[in-house]
């Protein structure tokens, strides 16, 4: 069966079976989720200083 990996850019990959949702970072609830994840230490920033184009929510509660 094998693990499927998704390239999210800049050499970063995510396991496809761990992804719950891919959402826009523009809405207020998602911005709140991002801030809460940052406070809990569960935010993984893969933007390398560039603009965030999508937010990936995983089953391990990482954003």
C-alpha atoms as a PDB file:
ATOM      1  CA  UNK A   1       0.000   0.000   0.000  1.00  0.00           C
ATOM      2  CA  UNK A   2       2.620   2.692   0.653  1.00  0.00           C
ATOM      3  CA  UNK A   3       2.485   6.141   2.137  1.00  0.00           C
ATOM      4  CA  UNK A   4       1.431   9.014  -0.120  1.00  0.00           C
ATOM      5  CA  UNK A   5       3.318  12.254   0.467  1.00  0.00           C
ATOM      6  CA  UNK A   6       2.193  15.688  -0.703  1.00  0.00           C
ATOM      7  CA  UNK A   7       4.765  18.338  -1.541  1.00  0.00           C
ATOM      8  CA  UNK A   8       3.709  21.633   0.094  1.00  0.00           C
ATOM      9  CA  UNK A   9       6.620  23.626  -1.287  1.00  0.00           C
ATOM     10  CA  UNK A  10      10.138  24.668  -0.304  1.00  0.00           C
ATOM     11  CA  UNK A  11      11.152  21.042   0.288  1.00  0.00           C
ATOM     12  CA  UNK A  12       8.357  20.346   2.795  1.00  0.00           C
ATOM     13  CA  UNK A  13       6.097  17.311   2.558  1.00  0.00           C
ATOM     14  CA  UNK A  14       3.007  16.121   4.436  1.00  0.00           C
ATOM     15  CA  UNK A  15       1.571  12.625   4.645  1.00  0.00           C
ATOM     16  CA  UNK A  16      -1.697  12.605   2.673  1.00  0.00           C
ATOM     17  CA  UNK A  17      -3.516  10.390   5.176  1.00  0.00           C
ATOM     18  CA  UNK A  18      -2.863  12.901   8.023  1.00  0.00           C
ATOM     19  CA  UNK A  19      -4.564  15.853   6.280  1.00  0.00           C
ATOM     20  CA  UNK A  20      -8.094  16.681   7.446  1.00  0.00           C
ATOM     21  CA  UNK A  21      -8.632  19.962   5.560  1.00  0.00           C
ATOM     22  CA  UNK A  22      -6.928  22.565   3.415  1.00  0.00           C
ATOM     23  CA  UNK A  23      -8.514  25.980   3.965  1.00  0.00           C
ATOM     24  CA  UNK A  24      -8.001  29.637   3.090  1.00  0.00           C
ATOM     25  CA  UNK A  25      -6.126  31.678   5.727  1.00  0.00           C
ATOM     26  CA  UNK A  26      -8.327  34.757   5.159  1.00  0.00           C
ATOM     27  CA  UNK A  27     -11.340  34.004   7.385  1.00  0.00           C
ATOM     28  CA  UNK A  28     -11.512  35.131  11.006  1.00  0.00           C
ATOM     29  CA  UNK A  29     -12.086  31.616  12.455  1.00  0.00           C
ATOM     30  CA  UNK A  30      -9.011  30.264  10.679  1.00  0.00           C
ATOM     31  CA  UNK A  31      -6.921  33.231  11.840  1.00  0.00           C
ATOM     32  CA  UNK A  32      -8.090  32.436  15.385  1.00  0.00           C
ATOM     33  CA  UNK A  33      -7.150  28.772  14.926  1.00  0.00           C
ATOM     34  CA  UNK A  34      -3.704  29.786  13.694  1.00  0.00           C
ATOM     35  CA  UNK A  35      -3.124  32.019  16.725  1.00  0.00           C
ATOM     36  CA  UNK A  36      -4.348  29.321  19.146  1.00  0.00           C
ATOM     37  CA  UNK A  37      -2.064  26.740  17.501  1.00  0.00           C
ATOM     38  CA  UNK A  38       0.860  29.182  17.760  1.00  0.00           C
ATOM     39  CA  UNK A  39       0.154  29.659  21.484  1.00  0.00           C
ATOM     40  CA  UNK A  40       0.012  25.866  22.045  1.00  0.00           C
ATOM     41  CA  UNK A  41       3.165  25.243  20.010  1.00  0.00           C
ATOM     42  CA  UNK A  42       1.251  23.253  17.391  1.00  0.00           C
ATOM     43  CA  UNK A  43       1.841  25.631  14.453  1.00  0.00           C
ATOM     44  CA  UNK A  44       4.240  24.533  11.730  1.00  0.00           C
ATOM     45  CA  UNK A  45       5.255  27.472   9.533  1.00  0.00           C
ATOM     46  CA  UNK A  46       6.380  26.241   6.116  1.00  0.00           C
ATOM     47  CA  UNK A  47       6.135  29.625   4.362  1.00  0.00           C
ATOM     48  CA  UNK A  48       9.795  30.678   4.700  1.00  0.00           C
ATOM     49  CA  UNK A  49       8.643  34.267   5.209  1.00  0.00           C
ATOM     50  CA  UNK A  50       6.362  34.347   2.200  1.00  0.00           C
ATOM     51  CA  UNK A  51       2.621  34.998   2.124  1.00  0.00           C
ATOM     52  CA  UNK A  52       0.425  32.176   3.442  1.00  0.00           C
ATOM     53  CA  UNK A  53      -1.754  30.834   0.627  1.00  0.00           C
ATOM     54  CA  UNK A  54      -3.366  27.858   2.381  1.00  0.00           C
ATOM     55  CA  UNK A  55      -3.668  26.383   5.861  1.00  0.00           C
ATOM     56  CA  UNK A  56      -3.399  22.616   6.308  1.00  0.00           C
ATOM     57  CA  UNK A  57      -5.160  21.091   9.314  1.00  0.00           C
ATOM     58  CA  UNK A  58      -3.949  17.629  10.339  1.00  0.00           C
ATOM     59  CA  UNK A  59      -5.389  14.840  12.463  1.00  0.00           C
ATOM     60  CA  UNK A  60      -2.670  15.425  15.074  1.00  0.00           C
ATOM     61  CA  UNK A  61      -4.059  18.953  15.647  1.00  0.00           C
ATOM     62  CA  UNK A  62      -1.077  20.594  13.955  1.00  0.00           C
ATOM     63  CA  UNK A  63      -1.798  23.569  11.708  1.00  0.00           C
END
